Amino acid sequence: MKTKLKDSGPKRGRPTGPATKRINTRFPKGLAERIEYAAALRGLAVAAFIQEAVAERADRVIEAESRWELTREEAAKIAALVSKPPKVNKKALDAAKLAARNVVIRS
């Protein structure tokens, strides 16, 4: 007599939630083997391991590109410009008018 195994939910390490977008990629054989090995060491499915690694890297890139890193001299120059901005000239006024016509600010 066969017994029905109880469904214990999703397999460990499977990505959770519905997939909304698919990104296909190919890996060199050596890299694919390293990924599979690392995922196995963590007890994760390969897809979950890749998602986790890529998400961490994407967060680091976004954070790094979201702020400026200035030298002390560059920071001093910006502080000086902010504290005493140059007088508005004709080119600046023309640029502001052009921006007002062509730029849409969304809230």
N, C-alpha and C. Protein backbone atom coordinates (compact mmCIF):
# COMPACT_ATOMS: atom_id res chain seq x y z
N MET A 1 0.83 -1.17 0.00
CA MET A 1 0.00 0.00 0.00
C MET A 1 0.88 1.24 0.00
N LYS A 2 0.61 2.13 -0.92
CA LYS A 2 1.39 3.34 -1.02
C LYS A 2 0.83 4.39 -0.06
N THR A 3 1.73 5.09 0.59
CA THR A 3 1.29 6.17 1.46
C THR A 3 1.60 7.50 0.78
N LYS A 4 0.71 8.40 0.90
CA LYS A 4 0.89 9.70 0.28
C LYS A 4 1.75 10.57 1.21
N LEU A 5 2.80 11.11 0.66
CA LEU A 5 3.66 11.98 1.44
C LEU A 5 2.99 13.32 1.64
N LYS A 6 3.12 13.83 2.82
CA LYS A 6 2.54 15.12 3.15
C LYS A 6 3.38 16.22 2.50
N ASP A 7 2.71 17.16 1.84
CA ASP A 7 3.41 18.27 1.21
C ASP A 7 3.87 19.23 2.30
N SER A 8 5.17 19.41 2.40
CA SER A 8 5.72 20.26 3.44
C SER A 8 5.96 21.69 2.95
N GLY A 9 5.29 22.10 1.88
CA GLY A 9 5.45 23.45 1.37
C GLY A 9 6.59 23.52 0.37
N PRO A 10 7.04 24.73 0.09
CA PRO A 10 8.10 24.88 -0.90
C PRO A 10 9.41 24.28 -0.43
N LYS A 11 10.19 23.82 -1.39
CA LYS A 11 11.49 23.25 -1.05
C LYS A 11 12.37 24.33 -0.45
N ARG A 12 13.25 23.90 0.42
CA ARG A 12 14.15 24.84 1.08
C ARG A 12 15.01 25.56 0.05
N GLY A 13 15.08 26.87 0.19
CA GLY A 13 15.92 27.65 -0.70
C GLY A 13 15.27 28.04 -2.01
N ARG A 14 14.03 27.69 -2.20
CA ARG A 14 13.35 28.09 -3.43
C ARG A 14 12.97 29.56 -3.33
N PRO A 15 13.04 30.29 -4.45
CA PRO A 15 12.60 31.67 -4.42
C PRO A 15 11.13 31.74 -4.02
N THR A 16 10.79 32.71 -3.21
CA THR A 16 9.41 32.84 -2.75
C THR A 16 8.69 33.88 -3.58
N GLY A 17 7.39 33.76 -3.63
CA GLY A 17 6.57 34.72 -4.36
C GLY A 17 6.55 34.39 -5.84
N PRO A 18 5.58 34.98 -6.53
CA PRO A 18 5.46 34.70 -7.96
C PRO A 18 6.57 35.38 -8.76
N ALA A 19 7.05 34.68 -9.76
CA ALA A 19 8.06 35.25 -10.63
C ALA A 19 7.34 36.20 -11.58
N THR A 20 7.84 37.42 -11.69
CA THR A 20 7.17 38.39 -12.56
C THR A 20 8.00 38.72 -13.79
N LYS A 21 9.28 38.42 -13.75
CA LYS A 21 10.13 38.70 -14.90
C LYS A 21 11.22 37.65 -14.98
N ARG A 22 11.54 37.26 -16.19
CA ARG A 22 12.56 36.24 -16.39
C ARG A 22 13.77 36.88 -17.06
N ILE A 23 14.95 36.58 -16.54
CA ILE A 23 16.20 37.02 -17.14
C ILE A 23 17.02 35.76 -17.41
N ASN A 24 17.26 35.51 -18.68
CA ASN A 24 18.02 34.32 -19.05
C ASN A 24 19.49 34.69 -19.21
N THR A 25 20.34 33.83 -18.71
CA THR A 25 21.77 34.04 -18.85
C THR A 25 22.47 32.70 -18.95
N ARG A 26 23.62 32.71 -19.53
CA ARG A 26 24.44 31.51 -19.63
C ARG A 26 25.73 31.77 -18.86
N PHE A 27 26.23 30.72 -18.22
CA PHE A 27 27.46 30.83 -17.45
C PHE A 27 28.50 29.91 -18.04
N PRO A 28 29.77 30.31 -18.01
CA PRO A 28 30.82 29.37 -18.40
C PRO A 28 30.76 28.15 -17.48
N LYS A 29 31.16 27.00 -17.99
CA LYS A 29 31.04 25.76 -17.24
C LYS A 29 31.66 25.84 -15.85
N GLY A 30 32.86 26.39 -15.76
CA GLY A 30 33.54 26.47 -14.47
C GLY A 30 32.78 27.32 -13.47
N LEU A 31 32.24 28.44 -13.93
CA LEU A 31 31.47 29.31 -13.04
C LEU A 31 30.17 28.64 -12.62
N ALA A 32 29.51 27.98 -13.56
CA ALA A 32 28.26 27.29 -13.24
C ALA A 32 28.50 26.22 -12.17
N GLU A 33 29.60 25.50 -12.28
CA GLU A 33 29.92 24.48 -11.28
C GLU A 33 30.19 25.10 -9.91
N ARG A 34 30.89 26.24 -9.90
CA ARG A 34 31.14 26.94 -8.62
C ARG A 34 29.84 27.41 -8.00
N ILE A 35 28.93 27.95 -8.82
CA ILE A 35 27.64 28.41 -8.32
C ILE A 35 26.85 27.25 -7.73
N GLU A 36 26.80 26.15 -8.45
CA GLU A 36 26.08 24.96 -7.96
C GLU A 36 26.67 24.46 -6.65
N TYR A 37 27.98 24.45 -6.56
CA TYR A 37 28.66 23.98 -5.35
C TYR A 37 28.36 24.91 -4.17
N ALA A 38 28.46 26.23 -4.41
CA ALA A 38 28.19 27.20 -3.35
C ALA A 38 26.74 27.12 -2.89
N ALA A 39 25.82 26.96 -3.83
CA ALA A 39 24.40 26.84 -3.47
C ALA A 39 24.18 25.59 -2.62
N ALA A 40 24.83 24.49 -3.00
CA ALA A 40 24.70 23.25 -2.24
C ALA A 40 25.26 23.42 -0.82
N LEU A 41 26.38 24.13 -0.69
CA LEU A 41 26.95 24.37 0.63
C LEU A 41 25.99 25.15 1.53
N ARG A 42 25.22 26.04 0.94
CA ARG A 42 24.24 26.83 1.70
C ARG A 42 22.89 26.12 1.83
N GLY A 43 22.74 25.02 1.12
CA GLY A 43 21.46 24.30 1.16
C GLY A 43 20.36 25.03 0.41
N LEU A 44 20.75 25.76 -0.64
CA LEU A 44 19.79 26.54 -1.41
C LEU A 44 19.67 25.99 -2.82
N ALA A 45 18.53 26.26 -3.42
CA ALA A 45 18.38 25.99 -4.84
C ALA A 45 19.28 26.97 -5.59
N VAL A 46 19.76 26.57 -6.75
CA VAL A 46 20.66 27.42 -7.52
C VAL A 46 19.99 28.76 -7.83
N ALA A 47 18.73 28.73 -8.22
CA ALA A 47 18.03 29.98 -8.54
C ALA A 47 17.97 30.91 -7.34
N ALA A 48 17.68 30.38 -6.17
CA ALA A 48 17.63 31.20 -4.95
C ALA A 48 19.00 31.77 -4.63
N PHE A 49 20.03 30.95 -4.79
CA PHE A 49 21.39 31.40 -4.52
C PHE A 49 21.77 32.54 -5.46
N ILE A 50 21.46 32.39 -6.75
CA ILE A 50 21.78 33.42 -7.73
C ILE A 50 21.00 34.69 -7.43
N GLN A 51 19.71 34.56 -7.11
CA GLN A 51 18.91 35.74 -6.80
C GLN A 51 19.48 36.49 -5.61
N GLU A 52 19.86 35.77 -4.58
CA GLU A 52 20.41 36.39 -3.38
C GLU A 52 21.71 37.13 -3.69
N ALA A 53 22.60 36.46 -4.42
CA ALA A 53 23.90 37.06 -4.75
C ALA A 53 23.73 38.29 -5.64
N VAL A 54 22.88 38.19 -6.63
CA VAL A 54 22.68 39.30 -7.56
C VAL A 54 22.00 40.47 -6.84
N ALA A 55 21.06 40.18 -5.96
CA ALA A 55 20.38 41.25 -5.21
C ALA A 55 21.38 42.00 -4.33
N GLU A 56 22.27 41.27 -3.66
CA GLU A 56 23.28 41.92 -2.82
C GLU A 56 24.19 42.81 -3.65
N ARG A 57 24.63 42.31 -4.79
CA ARG A 57 25.52 43.09 -5.66
C ARG A 57 24.80 44.31 -6.22
N ALA A 58 23.54 44.14 -6.63
CA ALA A 58 22.77 45.27 -7.16
C ALA A 58 22.61 46.35 -6.10
N ASP A 59 22.34 45.96 -4.87
CA ASP A 59 22.21 46.93 -3.78
C ASP A 59 23.51 47.71 -3.57
N ARG A 60 24.66 47.01 -3.65
CA ARG A 60 25.95 47.69 -3.48
C ARG A 60 26.20 48.68 -4.61
N VAL A 61 25.89 48.29 -5.84
CA VAL A 61 26.09 49.18 -6.98
C VAL A 61 25.19 50.41 -6.87
N ILE A 62 23.92 50.19 -6.56
CA ILE A 62 22.97 51.30 -6.44
C ILE A 62 23.42 52.26 -5.34
N GLU A 63 23.85 51.73 -4.21
CA GLU A 63 24.32 52.57 -3.11
C GLU A 63 25.56 53.36 -3.52
N ALA A 64 26.49 52.72 -4.18
CA ALA A 64 27.73 53.39 -4.59
C ALA A 64 27.46 54.49 -5.62
N GLU A 65 26.50 54.26 -6.51
CA GLU A 65 26.22 55.23 -7.57
C GLU A 65 25.22 56.30 -7.14
N SER A 66 24.66 56.17 -5.95
CA SER A 66 23.64 57.11 -5.47
C SER A 66 24.22 58.26 -4.68
N ARG A 67 25.50 58.25 -4.45
CA ARG A 67 26.10 59.35 -3.70
C ARG A 67 27.45 59.70 -4.30
N TRP A 68 27.88 60.88 -4.01
CA TRP A 68 29.16 61.35 -4.51
C TRP A 68 30.23 61.16 -3.46
N GLU A 69 31.41 60.83 -3.89
CA GLU A 69 32.55 60.80 -3.01
C GLU A 69 33.50 61.89 -3.47
N LEU A 70 33.69 62.88 -2.62
CA LEU A 70 34.49 64.04 -2.98
C LEU A 70 35.76 64.11 -2.15
N THR A 71 36.78 64.71 -2.75
CA THR A 71 37.97 65.02 -1.96
C THR A 71 37.63 66.22 -1.08
N ARG A 72 38.48 66.51 -0.13
CA ARG A 72 38.26 67.69 0.73
C ARG A 72 38.22 68.97 -0.10
N GLU A 73 39.09 69.05 -1.10
CA GLU A 73 39.14 70.24 -1.95
C GLU A 73 37.84 70.41 -2.74
N GLU A 74 37.35 69.30 -3.32
CA GLU A 74 36.09 69.36 -4.07
C GLU A 74 34.92 69.75 -3.18
N ALA A 75 34.88 69.17 -1.99
CA ALA A 75 33.81 69.52 -1.04
C ALA A 75 33.88 70.99 -0.66
N ALA A 76 35.08 71.51 -0.47
CA ALA A 76 35.25 72.93 -0.12
C ALA A 76 34.76 73.83 -1.25
N LYS A 77 35.07 73.45 -2.50
CA LYS A 77 34.61 74.25 -3.65
C LYS A 77 33.09 74.28 -3.72
N ILE A 78 32.45 73.13 -3.51
CA ILE A 78 30.99 73.08 -3.56
C ILE A 78 30.40 73.89 -2.42
N ALA A 79 30.97 73.79 -1.22
CA ALA A 79 30.49 74.57 -0.08
C ALA A 79 30.60 76.06 -0.36
N ALA A 80 31.70 76.47 -1.00
CA ALA A 80 31.88 77.88 -1.34
C ALA A 80 30.85 78.33 -2.36
N LEU A 81 30.56 77.51 -3.35
CA LEU A 81 29.55 77.87 -4.36
C LEU A 81 28.16 77.97 -3.75
N VAL A 82 27.84 77.07 -2.84
CA VAL A 82 26.53 77.09 -2.21
C VAL A 82 26.38 78.31 -1.30
N SER A 83 27.44 78.62 -0.56
CA SER A 83 27.36 79.74 0.37
C SER A 83 27.37 81.10 -0.35
N LYS A 84 27.99 81.18 -1.51
CA LYS A 84 28.03 82.43 -2.26
C LYS A 84 27.91 82.10 -3.76
N PRO A 85 26.67 81.85 -4.22
CA PRO A 85 26.49 81.45 -5.63
C PRO A 85 26.84 82.60 -6.58
N PRO A 86 27.26 82.25 -7.80
CA PRO A 86 27.57 83.30 -8.78
C PRO A 86 26.29 84.03 -9.21
N LYS A 87 26.45 85.23 -9.74
CA LYS A 87 25.29 86.00 -10.21
C LYS A 87 24.72 85.33 -11.46
N VAL A 88 23.40 85.44 -11.59
CA VAL A 88 22.72 84.84 -12.73
C VAL A 88 23.01 85.68 -13.97
N ASN A 89 23.44 85.02 -15.05
CA ASN A 89 23.72 85.72 -16.30
C ASN A 89 22.70 85.31 -17.36
N LYS A 90 22.85 85.84 -18.56
CA LYS A 90 21.89 85.56 -19.64
C LYS A 90 21.84 84.08 -19.99
N LYS A 91 22.98 83.40 -20.04
CA LYS A 91 23.00 81.97 -20.38
C LYS A 91 22.23 81.16 -19.34
N ALA A 92 22.38 81.52 -18.09
CA ALA A 92 21.67 80.80 -17.02
C ALA A 92 20.16 81.02 -17.15
N LEU A 93 19.75 82.26 -17.45
CA LEU A 93 18.32 82.55 -17.64
C LEU A 93 17.76 81.79 -18.83
N ASP A 94 18.51 81.76 -19.94
CA ASP A 94 18.06 81.03 -21.12
C ASP A 94 17.93 79.54 -20.83
N ALA A 95 18.89 78.99 -20.07
CA ALA A 95 18.83 77.58 -19.71
C ALA A 95 17.62 77.29 -18.84
N ALA A 96 17.32 78.19 -17.91
CA ALA A 96 16.15 78.00 -17.04
C ALA A 96 14.86 78.04 -17.84
N LYS A 97 14.76 78.95 -18.81
CA LYS A 97 13.57 79.03 -19.66
C LYS A 97 13.41 77.77 -20.50
N LEU A 98 14.51 77.30 -21.05
CA LEU A 98 14.49 76.07 -21.85
C LEU A 98 14.04 74.88 -20.99
N ALA A 99 14.58 74.80 -19.80
CA ALA A 99 14.19 73.71 -18.89
C ALA A 99 12.72 73.80 -18.54
N ALA A 100 12.23 75.01 -18.30
CA ALA A 100 10.82 75.18 -17.94
C ALA A 100 9.90 74.71 -19.06
N ARG A 101 10.33 74.88 -20.30
CA ARG A 101 9.51 74.44 -21.44
C ARG A 101 9.58 72.94 -21.68
N ASN A 102 10.72 72.32 -21.37
CA ASN A 102 10.94 70.93 -21.79
C ASN A 102 11.02 69.90 -20.67
N VAL A 103 11.07 70.34 -19.43
CA VAL A 103 11.20 69.39 -18.33
C VAL A 103 9.89 69.28 -17.58
N VAL A 104 9.46 68.05 -17.36
CA VAL A 104 8.23 67.80 -16.60
C VAL A 104 8.64 67.28 -15.24
N ILE A 105 8.20 67.96 -14.20
CA ILE A 105 8.51 67.53 -12.84
C ILE A 105 7.30 66.78 -12.31
N ARG A 106 7.53 65.53 -11.94
CA ARG A 106 6.45 64.68 -11.42
C ARG A 106 6.58 64.58 -9.91
N SER A 107 5.45 64.58 -9.27
CA SER A 107 5.51 64.43 -7.80
C SER A 107 5.16 63.04 -7.38
